[in-house]
Structure formats: C-alpha cells, structure tokens
Amino acid sequence: LIGGASGGLIGLVFIVVTLIRGVDATISLRNAGVYMSPIVFHLATV
C-alpha cells in the first residue's frame, strides 16, 4: 500500500516539474536541489 502510494506520488511530482518550465534555469536548478529532489528521494526511499 505505501509503496504503491509513493510510486504514484513520484509520477505526480514529475508532472509538477512541467509547471516550472518557464523558470530561469539557474534558479530552478538550485531550488530543485533544495525542494524537489528531496521529495523525490524520500518517495523513492519509501
């Protein structure tokens, strides 16, 4: 149950990435390491 939930949420997080498509690359890369990447790592751990 929790593994399936985390797998589905990983997919949704990748959809969120498409929402920040127009952001300056340096800003988005720096912020992705602080905000987006840890979320994906935690879900992948689960």
ModelCIF file with pLDDT and N, C-alpha, C, O atoms, coordinates in Angstrom:
data_MODEL
#
_entry.id   MODEL 
#
_entity.id                         1 
_entity.type                       polymer 
_entity.pdbx_number_of_molecules   1 
#
_entity_poly.entity_id                      1 
_entity_poly.type                           'polypeptide(L)' 
_entity_poly.nstd_linkage                   no 
_entity_poly.nstd_monomer                   no 
_entity_poly.pdbx_seq_one_letter_code       LIGGASGGLIGLVFIVVTLIRGVDATISLRNAGVYMSPIVFHLATV 
_entity_poly.pdbx_seq_one_letter_code_can   LIGGASGGLIGLVFIVVTLIRGVDATISLRNAGVYMSPIVFHLATV 
_entity_poly.pdbx_strand_id                 A 
#
loop_
_entity_poly_seq.entity_id 
_entity_poly_seq.num 
_entity_poly_seq.mon_id 
_entity_poly_seq.hetero 
1 1  LEU n 
1 2  ILE n 
1 3  GLY n 
1 4  GLY n 
1 5  ALA n 
1 6  SER n 
1 7  GLY n 
1 8  GLY n 
1 9  LEU n 
1 10 ILE n 
1 11 GLY n 
1 12 LEU n 
1 13 VAL n 
1 14 PHE n 
1 15 ILE n 
1 16 VAL n 
1 17 VAL n 
1 18 THR n 
1 19 LEU n 
1 20 ILE n 
1 21 ARG n 
1 22 GLY n 
1 23 VAL n 
1 24 ASP n 
1 25 ALA n 
1 26 THR n 
1 27 ILE n 
1 28 SER n 
1 29 LEU n 
1 30 ARG n 
1 31 ASN n 
1 32 ALA n 
1 33 GLY n 
1 34 VAL n 
1 35 TYR n 
1 36 MET n 
1 37 SER n 
1 38 PRO n 
1 39 ILE n 
1 40 VAL n 
1 41 PHE n 
1 42 HIS n 
1 43 LEU n 
1 44 ALA n 
1 45 THR n 
1 46 VAL n 
#
_struct_asym.id          A 
_struct_asym.entity_id   1 
#
loop_
_ma_qa_metric.id 
_ma_qa_metric.mode 
_ma_qa_metric.name 
_ma_qa_metric.software_group_id 
_ma_qa_metric.type 
1 global pLDDT . pLDDT 
2 local  pLDDT . pLDDT 
#
_ma_qa_metric_global.metric_id      1 
_ma_qa_metric_global.metric_value   78.13 
_ma_qa_metric_global.model_id       1 
_ma_qa_metric_global.ordinal_id     1 
#
loop_
_ma_qa_metric_local.label_asym_id 
_ma_qa_metric_local.label_comp_id 
_ma_qa_metric_local.label_seq_id 
_ma_qa_metric_local.metric_id 
_ma_qa_metric_local.metric_value 
_ma_qa_metric_local.model_id 
_ma_qa_metric_local.ordinal_id 
A LEU 1  2 92.00 1 1  
A ILE 2  2 92.00 1 2  
A GLY 3  2 91.00 1 3  
A GLY 4  2 91.00 1 4  
A ALA 5  2 93.00 1 5  
A SER 6  2 93.00 1 6  
A GLY 7  2 91.00 1 7  
A GLY 8  2 89.00 1 8  
A LEU 9  2 89.00 1 9  
A ILE 10 2 89.00 1 10 
A GLY 11 2 86.00 1 11 
A LEU 12 2 83.00 1 12 
A VAL 13 2 81.00 1 13 
A PHE 14 2 80.00 1 14 
A ILE 15 2 78.00 1 15 
A VAL 16 2 71.00 1 16 
A VAL 17 2 70.00 1 17 
A THR 18 2 73.00 1 18 
A LEU 19 2 67.00 1 19 
A ILE 20 2 64.00 1 20 
A ARG 21 2 62.00 1 21 
A GLY 22 2 59.00 1 22 
A VAL 23 2 57.00 1 23 
A ASP 24 2 55.00 1 24 
A ALA 25 2 51.00 1 25 
A THR 26 2 53.00 1 26 
A ILE 27 2 55.00 1 27 
A SER 28 2 55.00 1 28 
A LEU 29 2 52.00 1 29 
A ARG 30 2 59.00 1 30 
A ASN 31 2 66.00 1 31 
A ALA 32 2 65.00 1 32 
A GLY 33 2 68.00 1 33 
A VAL 34 2 79.00 1 34 
A TYR 35 2 83.00 1 35 
A MET 36 2 83.00 1 36 
A SER 37 2 86.00 1 37 
A PRO 38 2 91.00 1 38 
A ILE 39 2 91.00 1 39 
A VAL 40 2 91.00 1 40 
A PHE 41 2 94.00 1 41 
A HIS 42 2 95.00 1 42 
A LEU 43 2 94.00 1 43 
A ALA 44 2 95.00 1 44 
A THR 45 2 96.00 1 45 
A VAL 46 2 96.00 1 46 
#
loop_
_atom_site.group_PDB 
_atom_site.id 
_atom_site.type_symbol 
_atom_site.label_atom_id 
_atom_site.label_alt_id 
_atom_site.label_comp_id 
_atom_site.label_asym_id 
_atom_site.label_entity_id 
_atom_site.label_seq_id 
_atom_site.pdbx_PDB_ins_code 
_atom_site.Cartn_x 
_atom_site.Cartn_y 
_atom_site.Cartn_z 
_atom_site.occupancy 
_atom_site.B_iso_or_equiv 
_atom_site.pdbx_formal_charge 
_atom_site.auth_seq_id 
_atom_site.auth_comp_id 
_atom_site.auth_asym_id 
_atom_site.auth_atom_id 
_atom_site.pdbx_PDB_model_num 
ATOM 1   N N  . LEU A 1 1  ? 0.821  -1.205 0.000   1.00 92.00 ? 1  LEU A N  1 
ATOM 2   C CA . LEU A 1 1  ? 0.000  0.000  0.000   1.00 92.00 ? 1  LEU A CA 1 
ATOM 3   C C  . LEU A 1 1  ? 0.860  1.262  0.000   1.00 92.00 ? 1  LEU A C  1 
ATOM 4   O O  . LEU A 1 1  ? 0.669  2.138  -0.843  1.00 92.00 ? 1  LEU A O  1 
ATOM 5   N N  . ILE A 1 2  ? 1.794  1.363  0.926   1.00 92.00 ? 2  ILE A N  1 
ATOM 6   C CA . ILE A 1 2  ? 2.579  2.607  0.976   1.00 92.00 ? 2  ILE A CA 1 
ATOM 7   C C  . ILE A 1 2  ? 3.588  2.682  -0.167  1.00 92.00 ? 2  ILE A C  1 
ATOM 8   O O  . ILE A 1 2  ? 3.917  3.773  -0.633  1.00 92.00 ? 2  ILE A O  1 
ATOM 9   N N  . GLY A 1 3  ? 4.076  1.540  -0.618  1.00 91.00 ? 3  GLY A N  1 
ATOM 10  C CA . GLY A 1 3  ? 4.973  1.545  -1.777  1.00 91.00 ? 3  GLY A CA 1 
ATOM 11  C C  . GLY A 1 3  ? 4.252  2.011  -3.027  1.00 91.00 ? 3  GLY A C  1 
ATOM 12  O O  . GLY A 1 3  ? 4.793  2.804  -3.798  1.00 91.00 ? 3  GLY A O  1 
ATOM 13  N N  . GLY A 1 4  ? 3.037  1.526  -3.236  1.00 91.00 ? 4  GLY A N  1 
ATOM 14  C CA . GLY A 1 4  ? 2.244  1.962  -4.388  1.00 91.00 ? 4  GLY A CA 1 
ATOM 15  C C  . GLY A 1 4  ? 1.898  3.438  -4.316  1.00 91.00 ? 4  GLY A C  1 
ATOM 16  O O  . GLY A 1 4  ? 1.931  4.141  -5.325  1.00 91.00 ? 4  GLY A O  1 
ATOM 17  N N  . ALA A 1 5  ? 1.567  3.903  -3.121  1.00 93.00 ? 5  ALA A N  1 
ATOM 18  C CA . ALA A 1 5  ? 1.255  5.327  -2.943  1.00 93.00 ? 5  ALA A CA 1 
ATOM 19  C C  . ALA A 1 5  ? 2.458  6.186  -3.281  1.00 93.00 ? 5  ALA A C  1 
ATOM 20  O O  . ALA A 1 5  ? 2.321  7.208  -3.954  1.00 93.00 ? 5  ALA A O  1 
ATOM 21  N N  . SER A 1 6  ? 3.634  5.786  -2.823  1.00 93.00 ? 6  SER A N  1 
ATOM 22  C CA . SER A 1 6  ? 4.826  6.590  -3.102  1.00 93.00 ? 6  SER A CA 1 
ATOM 23  C C  . SER A 1 6  ? 5.178  6.551  -4.585  1.00 93.00 ? 6  SER A C  1 
ATOM 24  O O  . SER A 1 6  ? 5.621  7.558  -5.137  1.00 93.00 ? 6  SER A O  1 
ATOM 25  N N  . GLY A 1 7  ? 4.991  5.415  -5.233  1.00 91.00 ? 7  GLY A N  1 
ATOM 26  C CA . GLY A 1 7  ? 5.249  5.333  -6.674  1.00 91.00 ? 7  GLY A CA 1 
ATOM 27  C C  . GLY A 1 7  ? 4.341  6.265  -7.462  1.00 91.00 ? 7  GLY A C  1 
ATOM 28  O O  . GLY A 1 7  ? 4.792  6.950  -8.381  1.00 91.00 ? 7  GLY A O  1 
ATOM 29  N N  . GLY A 1 8  ? 3.058  6.291  -7.103  1.00 89.00 ? 8  GLY A N  1 
ATOM 30  C CA . GLY A 1 8  ? 2.125  7.200  -7.764  1.00 89.00 ? 8  GLY A CA 1 
ATOM 31  C C  . GLY A 1 8  ? 2.470  8.652  -7.524  1.00 89.00 ? 8  GLY A C  1 
ATOM 32  O O  . GLY A 1 8  ? 2.360  9.480  -8.428  1.00 89.00 ? 8  GLY A O  1 
ATOM 33  N N  . LEU A 1 9  ? 2.889  8.964  -6.308  1.00 89.00 ? 9  LEU A N  1 
ATOM 34  C CA . LEU A 1 9  ? 3.257  10.346 -5.987  1.00 89.00 ? 9  LEU A CA 1 
ATOM 35  C C  . LEU A 1 9  ? 4.525  10.790 -6.714  1.00 89.00 ? 9  LEU A C  1 
ATOM 36  O O  . LEU A 1 9  ? 4.663  11.965 -7.054  1.00 89.00 ? 9  LEU A O  1 
ATOM 37  N N  . ILE A 1 10 ? 5.447  9.866  -6.952  1.00 89.00 ? 10 ILE A N  1 
ATOM 38  C CA . ILE A 1 10 ? 6.643  10.211 -7.727  1.00 89.00 ? 10 ILE A CA 1 
ATOM 39  C C  . ILE A 1 10 ? 6.219  10.665 -9.129  1.00 89.00 ? 10 ILE A C  1 
ATOM 40  O O  . ILE A 1 10 ? 6.745  11.648 -9.652  1.00 89.00 ? 10 ILE A O  1 
ATOM 41  N N  . GLY A 1 11 ? 5.281  9.955  -9.723  1.00 86.00 ? 11 GLY A N  1 
ATOM 42  C CA . GLY A 1 11 ? 4.765  10.353 -11.037 1.00 86.00 ? 11 GLY A CA 1 
ATOM 43  C C  . GLY A 1 11 ? 4.144  11.732 -11.011 1.00 86.00 ? 11 GLY A C  1 
ATOM 44  O O  . GLY A 1 11 ? 4.351  12.526 -11.929 1.00 86.00 ? 11 GLY A O  1 
ATOM 45  N N  . LEU A 1 12 ? 3.383  12.026 -9.966  1.00 83.00 ? 12 LEU A N  1 
ATOM 46  C CA . LEU A 1 12 ? 2.764  13.352 -9.862  1.00 83.00 ? 12 LEU A CA 1 
ATOM 47  C C  . LEU A 1 12 ? 3.793  14.454 -9.670  1.00 83.00 ? 12 LEU A C  1 
ATOM 48  O O  . LEU A 1 12 ? 3.618  15.562 -10.176 1.00 83.00 ? 12 LEU A O  1 
ATOM 49  N N  . VAL A 1 13 ? 4.864  14.160 -8.945  1.00 81.00 ? 13 VAL A N  1 
ATOM 50  C CA . VAL A 1 13 ? 5.918  15.160 -8.762  1.00 81.00 ? 13 VAL A CA 1 
ATOM 51  C C  . VAL A 1 13 ? 6.563  15.492 -10.103 1.00 81.00 ? 13 VAL A C  1 
ATOM 52  O O  . VAL A 1 13 ? 6.901  16.649 -10.357 1.00 81.00 ? 13 VAL A O  1 
ATOM 53  N N  . PHE A 1 14 ? 6.735  14.498 -10.958 1.00 80.00 ? 14 PHE A N  1 
ATOM 54  C CA . PHE A 1 14 ? 7.310  14.774 -12.274 1.00 80.00 ? 14 PHE A CA 1 
ATOM 55  C C  . PHE A 1 14 ? 6.377  15.634 -13.123 1.00 80.00 ? 14 PHE A C  1 
ATOM 56  O O  . PHE A 1 14 ? 6.836  16.409 -13.962 1.00 80.00 ? 14 PHE A O  1 
ATOM 57  N N  . ILE A 1 15 ? 5.090  15.501 -12.910 1.00 78.00 ? 15 ILE A N  1 
ATOM 58  C CA . ILE A 1 15 ? 4.145  16.385 -13.594 1.00 78.00 ? 15 ILE A CA 1 
ATOM 59  C C  . ILE A 1 15 ? 4.316  17.817 -13.096 1.00 78.00 ? 15 ILE A C  1 
ATOM 60  O O  . ILE A 1 15 ? 4.239  18.766 -13.876 1.00 78.00 ? 15 ILE A O  1 
ATOM 61  N N  . VAL A 1 16 ? 4.549  17.966 -11.795 1.00 71.00 ? 16 VAL A N  1 
ATOM 62  C CA . VAL A 1 16 ? 4.759  19.299 -11.222 1.00 71.00 ? 16 VAL A CA 1 
ATOM 63  C C  . VAL A 1 16 ? 5.967  19.973 -11.868 1.00 71.00 ? 16 VAL A C  1 
ATOM 64  O O  . VAL A 1 16 ? 5.962  21.186 -12.075 1.00 71.00 ? 16 VAL A O  1 
ATOM 65  N N  . VAL A 1 17 ? 6.979  19.208 -12.181 1.00 70.00 ? 17 VAL A N  1 
ATOM 66  C CA . VAL A 1 17 ? 8.178  19.766 -12.800 1.00 70.00 ? 17 VAL A CA 1 
ATOM 67  C C  . VAL A 1 17 ? 7.816  20.495 -14.089 1.00 70.00 ? 17 VAL A C  1 
ATOM 68  O O  . VAL A 1 17 ? 8.426  21.512 -14.417 1.00 70.00 ? 17 VAL A O  1 
ATOM 69  N N  . THR A 1 18 ? 6.840  19.990 -14.812 1.00 73.00 ? 18 THR A N  1 
ATOM 70  C CA . THR A 1 18 ? 6.452  20.661 -16.059 1.00 73.00 ? 18 THR A CA 1 
ATOM 71  C C  . THR A 1 18 ? 5.819  22.021 -15.799 1.00 73.00 ? 18 THR A C  1 
ATOM 72  O O  . THR A 1 18 ? 5.795  22.865 -16.694 1.00 73.00 ? 18 THR A O  1 
ATOM 73  N N  . LEU A 1 19 ? 5.311  22.250 -14.602 1.00 67.00 ? 19 LEU A N  1 
ATOM 74  C CA . LEU A 1 19 ? 4.712  23.543 -14.284 1.00 67.00 ? 19 LEU A CA 1 
ATOM 75  C C  . LEU A 1 19 ? 5.744  24.660 -14.154 1.00 67.00 ? 19 LEU A C  1 
ATOM 76  O O  . LEU A 1 19 ? 5.414  25.836 -14.308 1.00 67.00 ? 19 LEU A O  1 
ATOM 77  N N  . ILE A 1 20 ? 6.993  24.290 -13.871 1.00 64.00 ? 20 ILE A N  1 
ATOM 78  C CA . ILE A 1 20 ? 8.031  25.312 -13.688 1.00 64.00 ? 20 ILE A CA 1 
ATOM 79  C C  . ILE A 1 20 ? 8.920  25.425 -14.920 1.00 64.00 ? 20 ILE A C  1 
ATOM 80  O O  . ILE A 1 20 ? 10.085 25.814 -14.830 1.00 64.00 ? 20 ILE A O  1 
ATOM 81  N N  . ARG A 1 21 ? 8.372  25.090 -16.031 1.00 62.00 ? 21 ARG A N  1 
ATOM 82  C CA . ARG A 1 21 ? 9.091  25.054 -17.302 1.00 62.00 ? 21 ARG A CA 1 
ATOM 83  C C  . ARG A 1 21 ? 9.701  26.404 -17.689 1.00 62.00 ? 21 ARG A C  1 
ATOM 84  O O  . ARG A 1 21 ? 10.800 26.430 -18.243 1.00 62.00 ? 21 ARG A O  1 
ATOM 85  N N  . GLY A 1 22 ? 9.028  27.518 -17.418 1.00 59.00 ? 22 GLY A N  1 
ATOM 86  C CA . GLY A 1 22 ? 9.498  28.824 -17.860 1.00 59.00 ? 22 GLY A CA 1 
ATOM 87  C C  . GLY A 1 22 ? 10.440 29.525 -16.897 1.00 59.00 ? 22 GLY A C  1 
ATOM 88  O O  . GLY A 1 22 ? 10.796 30.681 -17.125 1.00 59.00 ? 22 GLY A O  1 
ATOM 89  N N  . VAL A 1 23 ? 10.850 28.859 -15.832 1.00 57.00 ? 23 VAL A N  1 
ATOM 90  C CA . VAL A 1 23 ? 11.697 29.482 -14.812 1.00 57.00 ? 23 VAL A CA 1 
ATOM 91  C C  . VAL A 1 23 ? 13.143 29.542 -15.283 1.00 57.00 ? 23 VAL A C  1 
ATOM 92  O O  . VAL A 1 23 ? 13.625 28.637 -15.965 1.00 57.00 ? 23 VAL A O  1 
ATOM 93  N N  . ASP A 1 24 ? 13.826 30.617 -14.912 1.00 55.00 ? 24 ASP A N  1 
ATOM 94  C CA . ASP A 1 24 ? 15.247 30.760 -15.202 1.00 55.00 ? 24 ASP A CA 1 
ATOM 95  C C  . ASP A 1 24 ? 15.983 29.498 -14.744 1.00 55.00 ? 24 ASP A C  1 
ATOM 96  O O  . ASP A 1 24 ? 15.788 29.042 -13.618 1.00 55.00 ? 24 ASP A O  1 
ATOM 97  N N  . ALA A 1 25 ? 16.820 28.938 -15.607 1.00 51.00 ? 25 ALA A N  1 
ATOM 98  C CA . ALA A 1 25 ? 17.460 27.644 -15.341 1.00 51.00 ? 25 ALA A CA 1 
ATOM 99  C C  . ALA A 1 25 ? 18.305 27.650 -14.072 1.00 51.00 ? 25 ALA A C  1 
ATOM 100 O O  . ALA A 1 25 ? 18.261 26.675 -13.321 1.00 51.00 ? 25 ALA A O  1 
ATOM 101 N N  . THR A 1 26 ? 19.062 28.692 -13.804 1.00 53.00 ? 26 THR A N  1 
ATOM 102 C CA . THR A 1 26 ? 19.918 28.698 -12.613 1.00 53.00 ? 26 THR A CA 1 
ATOM 103 C C  . THR A 1 26 ? 19.080 28.708 -11.340 1.00 53.00 ? 26 THR A C  1 
ATOM 104 O O  . THR A 1 26 ? 19.428 28.042 -10.364 1.00 53.00 ? 26 THR A O  1 
ATOM 105 N N  . ILE A 1 27 ? 17.981 29.455 -11.341 1.00 55.00 ? 27 ILE A N  1 
ATOM 106 C CA . ILE A 1 27 ? 17.102 29.496 -10.172 1.00 55.00 ? 27 ILE A CA 1 
ATOM 107 C C  . ILE A 1 27 ? 16.438 28.144 -9.972  1.00 55.00 ? 27 ILE A C  1 
ATOM 108 O O  . ILE A 1 27 ? 16.405 27.624 -8.857  1.00 55.00 ? 27 ILE A O  1 
ATOM 109 N N  . SER A 1 28 ? 15.906 27.569 -11.050 1.00 55.00 ? 28 SER A N  1 
ATOM 110 C CA . SER A 1 28 ? 15.168 26.316 -10.895 1.00 55.00 ? 28 SER A CA 1 
ATOM 111 C C  . SER A 1 28 ? 16.077 25.156 -10.511 1.00 55.00 ? 28 SER A C  1 
ATOM 112 O O  . SER A 1 28 ? 15.671 24.297 -9.729  1.00 55.00 ? 28 SER A O  1 
ATOM 113 N N  . LEU A 1 29 ? 17.309 25.110 -11.047 1.00 52.00 ? 29 LEU A N  1 
ATOM 114 C CA . LEU A 1 29 ? 18.223 24.024 -10.689 1.00 52.00 ? 29 LEU A CA 1 
ATOM 115 C C  . LEU A 1 29 ? 18.639 24.105 -9.225  1.00 52.00 ? 29 LEU A C  1 
ATOM 116 O O  . LEU A 1 29 ? 18.675 23.087 -8.534  1.00 52.00 ? 29 LEU A O  1 
ATOM 117 N N  . ARG A 1 30 ? 18.952 25.313 -8.748  1.00 59.00 ? 30 ARG A N  1 
ATOM 118 C CA . ARG A 1 30 ? 19.350 25.480 -7.349  1.00 59.00 ? 30 ARG A CA 1 
ATOM 119 C C  . ARG A 1 30 ? 18.195 25.125 -6.418  1.00 59.00 ? 30 ARG A C  1 
ATOM 120 O O  . ARG A 1 30 ? 18.387 24.424 -5.426  1.00 59.00 ? 30 ARG A O  1 
ATOM 121 N N  . ASN A 1 31 ? 17.007 25.605 -6.735  1.00 66.00 ? 31 ASN A N  1 
ATOM 122 C CA . ASN A 1 31 ? 15.847 25.345 -5.884  1.00 66.00 ? 31 ASN A CA 1 
ATOM 123 C C  . ASN A 1 31 ? 15.370 23.903 -5.981  1.00 66.00 ? 31 ASN A C  1 
ATOM 124 O O  . ASN A 1 31 ? 14.833 23.368 -5.010  1.00 66.00 ? 31 ASN A O  1 
ATOM 125 N N  . ALA A 1 32 ? 15.553 23.267 -7.128  1.00 65.00 ? 32 ALA A N  1 
ATOM 126 C CA . ALA A 1 32 ? 15.156 21.861 -7.264  1.00 65.00 ? 32 ALA A CA 1 
ATOM 127 C C  . ALA A 1 32 ? 15.948 20.996 -6.297  1.00 65.00 ? 32 ALA A C  1 
ATOM 128 O O  . ALA A 1 32 ? 15.404 20.049 -5.728  1.00 65.00 ? 32 ALA A O  1 
ATOM 129 N N  . GLY A 1 33 ? 17.228 21.309 -6.101  1.00 68.00 ? 33 GLY A N  1 
ATOM 130 C CA . GLY A 1 33 ? 18.056 20.553 -5.177  1.00 68.00 ? 33 GLY A CA 1 
ATOM 131 C C  . GLY A 1 33 ? 17.623 20.684 -3.733  1.00 68.00 ? 33 GLY A C  1 
ATOM 132 O O  . GLY A 1 33 ? 17.895 19.804 -2.916  1.00 68.00 ? 33 GLY A O  1 
ATOM 133 N N  . VAL A 1 34 ? 16.957 21.768 -3.419  1.00 79.00 ? 34 VAL A N  1 
ATOM 134 C CA . VAL A 1 34 ? 16.520 22.004 -2.044  1.00 79.00 ? 34 VAL A CA 1 
ATOM 135 C C  . VAL A 1 34 ? 15.091 21.528 -1.826  1.00 79.00 ? 34 VAL A C  1 
ATOM 136 O O  . VAL A 1 34 ? 14.768 21.001 -0.761  1.00 79.00 ? 34 VAL A O  1 
ATOM 137 N N  . TYR A 1 35 ? 14.247 21.706 -2.809  1.00 83.00 ? 35 TYR A N  1 
ATOM 138 C CA . TYR A 1 35 ? 12.829 21.408 -2.619  1.00 83.00 ? 35 TYR A CA 1 
ATOM 139 C C  . TYR A 1 35 ? 12.363 20.152 -3.366  1.00 83.00 ? 35 TYR A C  1 
ATOM 140 O O  . TYR A 1 35 ? 11.792 19.253 -2.748  1.00 83.00 ? 35 TYR A O  1 
ATOM 141 N N  . MET A 1 36 ? 12.588 20.076 -4.649  1.00 83.00 ? 36 MET A N  1 
ATOM 142 C CA . MET A 1 36 ? 12.032 18.989 -5.455  1.00 83.00 ? 36 MET A CA 1 
ATOM 143 C C  . MET A 1 36 ? 12.792 17.674 -5.272  1.00 83.00 ? 36 MET A C  1 
ATOM 144 O O  . MET A 1 36 ? 12.179 16.634 -5.031  1.00 83.00 ? 36 MET A O  1 
ATOM 145 N N  . SER A 1 37 ? 14.105 17.715 -5.383  1.00 86.00 ? 37 SER A N  1 
ATOM 146 C CA . SER A 1 37 ? 14.899 16.484 -5.309  1.00 86.00 ? 37 SER A CA 1 
ATOM 147 C C  . SER A 1 37 ? 14.710 15.727 -3.995  1.00 86.00 ? 37 SER A C  1 
ATOM 148 O O  . SER A 1 37 ? 14.576 14.504 -4.025  1.00 86.00 ? 37 SER A O  1 
ATOM 149 N N  . PRO A 1 38 ? 14.694 16.408 -2.833  1.00 91.00 ? 38 PRO A N  1 
ATOM 150 C CA . PRO A 1 38 ? 14.461 15.659 -1.598  1.00 91.00 ? 38 PRO A CA 1 
ATOM 151 C C  . PRO A 1 38 ? 13.095 14.970 -1.553  1.00 91.00 ? 38 PRO A C  1 
ATOM 152 O O  . PRO A 1 38 ? 12.980 13.864 -1.024  1.00 91.00 ? 38 PRO A O  1 
ATOM 153 N N  . ILE A 1 39 ? 12.065 15.609 -2.099  1.00 91.00 ? 39 ILE A N  1 
ATOM 154 C CA . ILE A 1 39 ? 10.746 14.980 -2.120  1.00 91.00 ? 39 ILE A CA 1 
ATOM 155 C C  . ILE A 1 39 ? 10.817 13.681 -2.913  1.00 91.00 ? 39 ILE A C  1 
ATOM 156 O O  . ILE A 1 39 ? 10.309 12.652 -2.468  1.00 91.00 ? 39 ILE A O  1 
ATOM 157 N N  . VAL A 1 40 ? 11.442 13.725 -4.080  1.00 91.00 ? 40 VAL A N  1 
ATOM 158 C CA . VAL A 1 40 ? 11.558 12.527 -4.914  1.00 91.00 ? 40 VAL A CA 1 
ATOM 159 C C  . VAL A 1 40 ? 12.409 11.471 -4.203  1.00 91.00 ? 40 VAL A C  1 
ATOM 160 O O  . VAL A 1 40 ? 12.082 10.285 -4.247  1.00 91.00 ? 40 VAL A O  1 
ATOM 161 N N  . PHE A 1 41 ? 13.491 11.889 -3.552  1.00 94.00 ? 41 PHE A N  1 
ATOM 162 C CA . PHE A 1 41 ? 14.334 10.926 -2.831  1.00 94.00 ? 41 PHE A CA 1 
ATOM 163 C C  . PHE A 1 41 ? 13.554 10.248 -1.706  1.00 94.00 ? 41 PHE A C  1 
ATOM 164 O O  . PHE A 1 41 ? 13.659 9.035  -1.527  1.00 94.00 ? 41 PHE A O  1 
ATOM 165 N N  . HIS A 1 42 ? 12.774 11.018 -0.948  1.00 95.00 ? 42 HIS A N  1 
ATOM 166 C CA . HIS A 1 42 ? 12.006 10.438 0.155   1.00 95.00 ? 42 HIS A CA 1 
ATOM 167 C C  . HIS A 1 42 ? 10.963 9.454  -0.366  1.00 95.00 ? 42 HIS A C  1 
ATOM 168 O O  . HIS A 1 42 ? 10.786 8.376  0.200   1.00 95.00 ? 42 HIS A O  1 
ATOM 169 N N  . LEU A 1 43 ? 10.280 9.819  -1.432  1.00 94.00 ? 43 LEU A N  1 
ATOM 170 C CA . LEU A 1 43 ? 9.276  8.914  -2.013  1.00 94.00 ? 43 LEU A CA 1 
ATOM 171 C C  . LEU A 1 43 ? 9.934  7.669  -2.592  1.00 94.00 ? 43 LEU A C  1 
ATOM 172 O O  . LEU A 1 43 ? 9.399  6.569  -2.465  1.00 94.00 ? 43 LEU A O  1 
ATOM 173 N N  . ALA A 1 44 ? 11.088 7.834  -3.226  1.00 95.00 ? 44 ALA A N  1 
ATOM 174 C CA . ALA A 1 44 ? 11.808 6.673  -3.767  1.00 95.00 ? 44 ALA A CA 1 
ATOM 175 C C  . ALA A 1 44 ? 12.291 5.763  -2.644  1.00 95.00 ? 44 ALA A C  1 
ATOM 176 O O  . ALA A 1 44 ? 12.306 4.542  -2.796  1.00 95.00 ? 44 ALA A O  1 
ATOM 177 N N  . THR A 1 45 ? 12.686 6.352  -1.521  1.00 96.00 ? 45 THR A N  1 
ATOM 178 C CA . THR A 1 45 ? 13.083 5.551  -0.361  1.00 96.00 ? 45 THR A CA 1 
ATOM 179 C C  . THR A 1 45 ? 11.918 4.695  0.115   1.00 96.00 ? 45 THR A C  1 
ATOM 180 O O  . THR A 1 45 ? 12.083 3.504  0.379   1.00 96.00 ? 45 THR A O  1 
ATOM 181 N N  . VAL A 1 46 ? 10.744 5.299  0.223   1.00 96.00 ? 46 VAL A N  1 
ATOM 182 C CA . VAL A 1 46 ? 9.550  4.558  0.646   1.00 96.00 ? 46 VAL A CA 1 
ATOM 183 C C  . VAL A 1 46 ? 9.266  3.431  -0.350  1.00 96.00 ? 46 VAL A C  1 
ATOM 184 O O  . VAL A 1 46 ? 8.302  2.685  -0.179  1.00 96.00 ? 46 VAL A O  1 
#
